[in-house]
């Protein structure tokens, strides 16, 4: 069935990442990295929400590549985003107990989104560039709170995927990003349903 950008669903996934160095000390054997993704798409004017996902990866050695099963770890979707999807991705290394980390991040996210008046912003339909800027501010704040609790920031990126261009949403493309700490591979694929591997997105109603 041909891809219809106004109806077909997409997913943005991280297919793999490589931890290039130990976050704390070269003498540490294992690291505890985790991924946080936050997305807002073009469908939220009538029902403002943030799509949120958190996934920990315990006991990862440096210079090790973690390859996800199936289509990869979901950063967004599967969903039809409307005119765009704005996405921010953060990777941190945990120095504290991972069990309550996801709930802590969710609470910080909801509180800061309220402080920024994000619901009113989305309803006003400001466009993808403005929402990318707001997501950047939101994730920067979250990273700062987590750093105060002893976690180390490894990687951060953000951007927008637009529908009305020659290759809608950049589907079937893969992008690699690298810094001194990690290398990650992010891909955009047509996908109707999650493959059941890993965490699925949670929609936080604003």
C-alpha atoms as a PDB file:
ATOM      1  CA  UNK A   1       0.000   0.000   0.000  1.00  0.00           C
ATOM      2  CA  UNK A   2       1.592   3.359  -0.997  1.00  0.00           C
ATOM      3  CA  UNK A   3       2.500   5.816   1.738  1.00  0.00           C
ATOM      4  CA  UNK A   4      -0.116   8.545   2.170  1.00  0.00           C
ATOM      5  CA  UNK A   5       1.409  11.394   4.249  1.00  0.00           C
ATOM      6  CA  UNK A   6      -2.035  12.621   5.327  1.00  0.00           C
ATOM      7  CA  UNK A   7      -3.212   9.227   6.581  1.00  0.00           C
ATOM      8  CA  UNK A   8      -0.354   6.748   7.013  1.00  0.00           C
ATOM      9  CA  UNK A   9       1.342   6.321  10.369  1.00  0.00           C
ATOM     10  CA  UNK A  10       5.032   6.804  10.989  1.00  0.00           C
ATOM     11  CA  UNK A  11       7.432   5.932  13.775  1.00  0.00           C
ATOM     12  CA  UNK A  12      10.692   7.603  14.706  1.00  0.00           C
ATOM     13  CA  UNK A  13      12.976   5.109  16.390  1.00  0.00           C
ATOM     14  CA  UNK A  14      16.480   4.739  17.730  1.00  0.00           C
ATOM     15  CA  UNK A  15      17.808   1.580  16.117  1.00  0.00           C
ATOM     16  CA  UNK A  16      21.111   1.484  18.035  1.00  0.00           C
ATOM     17  CA  UNK A  17      23.545   3.449  20.127  1.00  0.00           C
ATOM     18  CA  UNK A  18      27.206   3.031  20.983  1.00  0.00           C
ATOM     19  CA  UNK A  19      28.527   4.135  24.353  1.00  0.00           C
ATOM     20  CA  UNK A  20      31.986   5.486  23.476  1.00  0.00           C
ATOM     21  CA  UNK A  21      33.333   6.173  26.961  1.00  0.00           C
ATOM     22  CA  UNK A  22      32.484   5.731  30.603  1.00  0.00           C
ATOM     23  CA  UNK A  23      30.460   8.663  31.836  1.00  0.00           C
ATOM     24  CA  UNK A  24      31.964   8.832  35.336  1.00  0.00           C
ATOM     25  CA  UNK A  25      35.376   7.202  35.447  1.00  0.00           C
ATOM     26  CA  UNK A  26      37.527   5.041  33.165  1.00  0.00           C
ATOM     27  CA  UNK A  27      37.709   2.595  36.064  1.00  0.00           C
ATOM     28  CA  UNK A  28      33.956   1.947  36.074  1.00  0.00           C
ATOM     29  CA  UNK A  29      32.990  -1.378  34.482  1.00  0.00           C
ATOM     30  CA  UNK A  30      29.358  -0.619  33.679  1.00  0.00           C
ATOM     31  CA  UNK A  31      27.217   2.386  32.861  1.00  0.00           C
ATOM     32  CA  UNK A  32      23.457   2.863  33.267  1.00  0.00           C
ATOM     33  CA  UNK A  33      22.379   5.039  30.312  1.00  0.00           C
ATOM     34  CA  UNK A  34      18.771   5.952  29.686  1.00  0.00           C
ATOM     35  CA  UNK A  35      16.859   7.613  26.859  1.00  0.00           C
ATOM     36  CA  UNK A  36      14.197  10.270  27.264  1.00  0.00           C
ATOM     37  CA  UNK A  37      12.196  11.414  24.227  1.00  0.00           C
ATOM     38  CA  UNK A  38       9.583  14.167  24.114  1.00  0.00           C
ATOM     39  CA  UNK A  39       7.488  14.919  21.023  1.00  0.00           C
ATOM     40  CA  UNK A  40       4.674  17.227  19.969  1.00  0.00           C
ATOM     41  CA  UNK A  41       2.952  16.776  16.621  1.00  0.00           C
ATOM     42  CA  UNK A  42       0.594  18.776  14.447  1.00  0.00           C
ATOM     43  CA  UNK A  43      -2.561  17.048  15.681  1.00  0.00           C
ATOM     44  CA  UNK A  44      -2.617  18.627  19.146  1.00  0.00           C
ATOM     45  CA  UNK A  45      -4.573  21.827  18.564  1.00  0.00           C
ATOM     46  CA  UNK A  46      -7.847  20.262  19.707  1.00  0.00           C
ATOM     47  CA  UNK A  47      -6.314  17.879  22.267  1.00  0.00           C
ATOM     48  CA  UNK A  48      -2.920  19.213  23.462  1.00  0.00           C
ATOM     49  CA  UNK A  49      -0.548  16.482  24.594  1.00  0.00           C
ATOM     50  CA  UNK A  50       3.109  15.502  24.788  1.00  0.00           C
ATOM     51  CA  UNK A  51       4.286  12.074  23.673  1.00  0.00           C
ATOM     52  CA  UNK A  52       6.845  10.891  26.211  1.00  0.00           C
ATOM     53  CA  UNK A  53       9.062   7.821  26.435  1.00  0.00           C
ATOM     54  CA  UNK A  54      11.693   6.688  28.917  1.00  0.00           C
ATOM     55  CA  UNK A  55      13.905   3.631  28.563  1.00  0.00           C
ATOM     56  CA  UNK A  56      16.821   2.542  30.800  1.00  0.00           C
ATOM     57  CA  UNK A  57      19.661   0.288  29.668  1.00  0.00           C
ATOM     58  CA  UNK A  58      21.390  -1.303  32.671  1.00  0.00           C
ATOM     59  CA  UNK A  59      24.975  -2.578  32.676  1.00  0.00           C
ATOM     60  CA  UNK A  60      26.338  -1.197  29.420  1.00  0.00           C
ATOM     61  CA  UNK A  61      30.109  -1.319  28.975  1.00  0.00           C
ATOM     62  CA  UNK A  62      31.981   1.463  27.214  1.00  0.00           C
ATOM     63  CA  UNK A  63      32.764   0.858  23.529  1.00  0.00           C
ATOM     64  CA  UNK A  64      29.671  -1.358  23.349  1.00  0.00           C
ATOM     65  CA  UNK A  65      26.920  -1.037  20.729  1.00  0.00           C
ATOM     66  CA  UNK A  66      23.369  -1.671  21.916  1.00  0.00           C
ATOM     67  CA  UNK A  67      21.219  -2.772  18.971  1.00  0.00           C
ATOM     68  CA  UNK A  68      17.457  -2.632  19.468  1.00  0.00           C
ATOM     69  CA  UNK A  69      15.198  -5.498  18.478  1.00  0.00           C
ATOM     70  CA  UNK A  70      12.722  -5.160  15.625  1.00  0.00           C
ATOM     71  CA  UNK A  71      12.099  -1.605  14.469  1.00  0.00           C
ATOM     72  CA  UNK A  72      14.014  -0.017  17.338  1.00  0.00           C
ATOM     73  CA  UNK A  73      13.200   1.943  20.483  1.00  0.00           C
ATOM     74  CA  UNK A  74      10.196   4.210  19.856  1.00  0.00           C
ATOM     75  CA  UNK A  75      10.871   7.930  20.088  1.00  0.00           C
ATOM     76  CA  UNK A  76       7.574   8.847  18.408  1.00  0.00           C
ATOM     77  CA  UNK A  77       4.543   6.997  17.051  1.00  0.00           C
ATOM     78  CA  UNK A  78       3.251   4.947  15.408  1.00  0.00           C
ATOM     79  CA  UNK A  79       0.895   7.782  14.535  1.00  0.00           C
ATOM     80  CA  UNK A  80       0.047  10.148  11.729  1.00  0.00           C
ATOM     81  CA  UNK A  81       1.569  13.438  12.920  1.00  0.00           C
ATOM     82  CA  UNK A  82      -0.484  15.860  10.865  1.00  0.00           C
ATOM     83  CA  UNK A  83       1.670  18.599   9.331  1.00  0.00           C
ATOM     84  CA  UNK A  84       4.757  17.934  11.469  1.00  0.00           C
ATOM     85  CA  UNK A  85       6.301  16.277  14.479  1.00  0.00           C
ATOM     86  CA  UNK A  86       8.755  18.146  16.721  1.00  0.00           C
ATOM     87  CA  UNK A  87      11.073  15.870  18.690  1.00  0.00           C
ATOM     88  CA  UNK A  88      13.708  16.191  21.394  1.00  0.00           C
ATOM     89  CA  UNK A  89      15.899  13.281  22.502  1.00  0.00           C
ATOM     90  CA  UNK A  90      18.067  13.207  25.623  1.00  0.00           C
ATOM     91  CA  UNK A  91      20.468  10.501  26.809  1.00  0.00           C
ATOM     92  CA  UNK A  92      21.737  10.554  30.383  1.00  0.00           C
ATOM     93  CA  UNK A  93      23.816   8.225  32.547  1.00  0.00           C
ATOM     94  CA  UNK A  94      22.294   7.384  35.906  1.00  0.00           C
ATOM     95  CA  UNK A  95      24.210   7.600  39.172  1.00  0.00           C
ATOM     96  CA  UNK A  96      21.144   6.837  41.278  1.00  0.00           C
ATOM     97  CA  UNK A  97      18.511   4.136  41.605  1.00  0.00           C
ATOM     98  CA  UNK A  98      16.854   3.625  38.212  1.00  0.00           C
ATOM     99  CA  UNK A  99      13.576   2.223  39.566  1.00  0.00           C
ATOM    100  CA  UNK A 100      11.874   5.563  40.242  1.00  0.00           C
ATOM    101  CA  UNK A 101      13.617   7.497  37.468  1.00  0.00           C
ATOM    102  CA  UNK A 102      10.838   7.306  34.889  1.00  0.00           C
ATOM    103  CA  UNK A 103       8.196   8.580  37.304  1.00  0.00           C
ATOM    104  CA  UNK A 104      10.510  11.374  38.481  1.00  0.00           C
ATOM    105  CA  UNK A 105      11.114  12.540  34.897  1.00  0.00           C
ATOM    106  CA  UNK A 106       7.394  12.395  34.120  1.00  0.00           C
ATOM    107  CA  UNK A 107       6.609  14.577  37.141  1.00  0.00           C
ATOM    108  CA  UNK A 108       9.306  17.113  36.196  1.00  0.00           C
ATOM    109  CA  UNK A 109       8.035  17.156  32.611  1.00  0.00           C
ATOM    110  CA  UNK A 110       4.413  17.775  33.576  1.00  0.00           C
ATOM    111  CA  UNK A 111       5.373  20.494  36.078  1.00  0.00           C
ATOM    112  CA  UNK A 112       7.648  22.373  33.669  1.00  0.00           C
ATOM    113  CA  UNK A 113       5.145  22.050  30.796  1.00  0.00           C
ATOM    114  CA  UNK A 114       2.575  23.754  33.035  1.00  0.00           C
ATOM    115  CA  UNK A 115       5.085  26.495  33.938  1.00  0.00           C
ATOM    116  CA  UNK A 116       5.723  27.142  30.236  1.00  0.00           C
ATOM    117  CA  UNK A 117       2.005  27.286  29.464  1.00  0.00           C
ATOM    118  CA  UNK A 118       2.559  24.581  26.873  1.00  0.00           C
ATOM    119  CA  UNK A 119      -1.133  23.737  26.507  1.00  0.00           C
ATOM    120  CA  UNK A 120      -1.984  27.281  25.419  1.00  0.00           C
ATOM    121  CA  UNK A 121       1.020  27.349  23.090  1.00  0.00           C
ATOM    122  CA  UNK A 122      -0.027  24.155  21.299  1.00  0.00           C
ATOM    123  CA  UNK A 123      -3.641  25.339  20.958  1.00  0.00           C
ATOM    124  CA  UNK A 124      -2.345  28.547  19.355  1.00  0.00           C
ATOM    125  CA  UNK A 125      -0.735  26.348  16.669  1.00  0.00           C
ATOM    126  CA  UNK A 126       2.601  28.231  16.462  1.00  0.00           C
ATOM    127  CA  UNK A 127       4.250  25.838  14.003  1.00  0.00           C
ATOM    128  CA  UNK A 128       7.074  23.334  14.223  1.00  0.00           C
ATOM    129  CA  UNK A 129       9.987  25.763  14.726  1.00  0.00           C
ATOM    130  CA  UNK A 130       8.417  27.345  17.815  1.00  0.00           C
ATOM    131  CA  UNK A 131       7.599  23.949  19.302  1.00  0.00           C
ATOM    132  CA  UNK A 132      11.147  22.681  18.711  1.00  0.00           C
ATOM    133  CA  UNK A 133      12.419  25.729  20.632  1.00  0.00           C
ATOM    134  CA  UNK A 134      10.018  25.035  23.492  1.00  0.00           C
ATOM    135  CA  UNK A 135      10.957  21.349  23.604  1.00  0.00           C
ATOM    136  CA  UNK A 136      14.611  22.364  23.730  1.00  0.00           C
ATOM    137  CA  UNK A 137      13.918  24.589  26.744  1.00  0.00           C
ATOM    138  CA  UNK A 138      11.836  21.847  28.382  1.00  0.00           C
ATOM    139  CA  UNK A 139      14.489  19.148  27.947  1.00  0.00           C
ATOM    140  CA  UNK A 140      17.297  21.519  28.986  1.00  0.00           C
ATOM    141  CA  UNK A 141      15.445  22.109  32.250  1.00  0.00           C
ATOM    142  CA  UNK A 142      14.897  18.370  32.801  1.00  0.00           C
ATOM    143  CA  UNK A 143      18.583  17.630  32.102  1.00  0.00           C
ATOM    144  CA  UNK A 144      19.566  20.302  34.625  1.00  0.00           C
ATOM    145  CA  UNK A 145      17.385  18.805  37.366  1.00  0.00           C
ATOM    146  CA  UNK A 146      18.723  15.314  36.653  1.00  0.00           C
ATOM    147  CA  UNK A 147      22.308  16.616  36.700  1.00  0.00           C
ATOM    148  CA  UNK A 148      21.671  18.115  40.130  1.00  0.00           C
ATOM    149  CA  UNK A 149      20.721  14.604  41.245  1.00  0.00           C
ATOM    150  CA  UNK A 150      24.092  13.292  40.039  1.00  0.00           C
ATOM    151  CA  UNK A 151      23.264  12.045  36.523  1.00  0.00           C
ATOM    152  CA  UNK A 152      25.521  12.898  33.577  1.00  0.00           C
ATOM    153  CA  UNK A 153      24.282  14.205  30.240  1.00  0.00           C
ATOM    154  CA  UNK A 154      25.583  12.120  27.317  1.00  0.00           C
ATOM    155  CA  UNK A 155      23.730  13.395  24.268  1.00  0.00           C
ATOM    156  CA  UNK A 156      20.941  15.698  23.190  1.00  0.00           C
ATOM    157  CA  UNK A 157      19.316  16.528  19.862  1.00  0.00           C
ATOM    158  CA  UNK A 158      16.096  18.056  18.609  1.00  0.00           C
ATOM    159  CA  UNK A 159      14.404  18.836  15.319  1.00  0.00           C
ATOM    160  CA  UNK A 160      11.239  18.765  13.239  1.00  0.00           C
ATOM    161  CA  UNK A 161       9.983  16.379  10.564  1.00  0.00           C
ATOM    162  CA  UNK A 162       7.624  18.048   8.099  1.00  0.00           C
ATOM    163  CA  UNK A 163       4.876  16.513   5.995  1.00  0.00           C
ATOM    164  CA  UNK A 164       4.717  18.925   3.054  1.00  0.00           C
ATOM    165  CA  UNK A 165       8.071  18.319   1.411  1.00  0.00           C
ATOM    166  CA  UNK A 166       9.337  15.987  -1.354  1.00  0.00           C
ATOM    167  CA  UNK A 167      10.057  13.213   1.167  1.00  0.00           C
ATOM    168  CA  UNK A 168       7.319  13.584   3.819  1.00  0.00           C
ATOM    169  CA  UNK A 169       8.662  13.288   7.389  1.00  0.00           C
ATOM    170  CA  UNK A 170      12.000  12.002   5.937  1.00  0.00           C
ATOM    171  CA  UNK A 171      10.571   8.479   5.911  1.00  0.00           C
ATOM    172  CA  UNK A 172      12.955   5.594   5.217  1.00  0.00           C
ATOM    173  CA  UNK A 173      15.976   7.683   6.146  1.00  0.00           C
ATOM    174  CA  UNK A 174      18.454   6.992   8.921  1.00  0.00           C
ATOM    175  CA  UNK A 175      20.607   9.610  10.635  1.00  0.00           C
ATOM    176  CA  UNK A 176      23.694   9.058  12.774  1.00  0.00           C
ATOM    177  CA  UNK A 177      24.721  11.555  15.437  1.00  0.00           C
ATOM    178  CA  UNK A 178      27.955  11.386  17.400  1.00  0.00           C
ATOM    179  CA  UNK A 179      29.761  13.251  20.145  1.00  0.00           C
ATOM    180  CA  UNK A 180      32.558  12.254  22.511  1.00  0.00           C
ATOM    181  CA  UNK A 181      30.218  10.145  24.648  1.00  0.00           C
ATOM    182  CA  UNK A 182      27.845   8.296  22.314  1.00  0.00           C
ATOM    183  CA  UNK A 183      26.891   7.605  18.728  1.00  0.00           C
ATOM    184  CA  UNK A 184      23.204   7.088  17.984  1.00  0.00           C
ATOM    185  CA  UNK A 185      21.229   6.016  14.904  1.00  0.00           C
ATOM    186  CA  UNK A 186      17.739   7.492  14.448  1.00  0.00           C
ATOM    187  CA  UNK A 187      15.399   6.390  11.672  1.00  0.00           C
ATOM    188  CA  UNK A 188      11.964   7.368  10.377  1.00  0.00           C
ATOM    189  CA  UNK A 189       9.819   4.526   9.079  1.00  0.00           C
ATOM    190  CA  UNK A 190       6.225   3.875   8.009  1.00  0.00           C
ATOM    191  CA  UNK A 191       4.745   1.760  10.803  1.00  0.00           C
ATOM    192  CA  UNK A 192       1.137   0.972  11.655  1.00  0.00           C
ATOM    193  CA  UNK A 193       1.568  -0.669  15.069  1.00  0.00           C
ATOM    194  CA  UNK A 194       4.391  -1.063  17.634  1.00  0.00           C
ATOM    195  CA  UNK A 195       6.344  -4.294  17.374  1.00  0.00           C
ATOM    196  CA  UNK A 196       5.926  -5.007  21.077  1.00  0.00           C
ATOM    197  CA  UNK A 197       9.636  -4.736  21.846  1.00  0.00           C
ATOM    198  CA  UNK A 198      10.599  -2.154  24.452  1.00  0.00           C
ATOM    199  CA  UNK A 199       8.684   0.724  25.948  1.00  0.00           C
ATOM    200  CA  UNK A 200       5.744   2.291  24.130  1.00  0.00           C
ATOM    201  CA  UNK A 201       5.006   5.992  24.221  1.00  0.00           C
ATOM    202  CA  UNK A 202       2.880   7.577  26.887  1.00  0.00           C
ATOM    203  CA  UNK A 203       0.692  10.525  25.955  1.00  0.00           C
ATOM    204  CA  UNK A 204       0.658  13.188  28.649  1.00  0.00           C
ATOM    205  CA  UNK A 205      -2.505  15.264  28.311  1.00  0.00           C
ATOM    206  CA  UNK A 206      -1.864  18.923  29.070  1.00  0.00           C
END
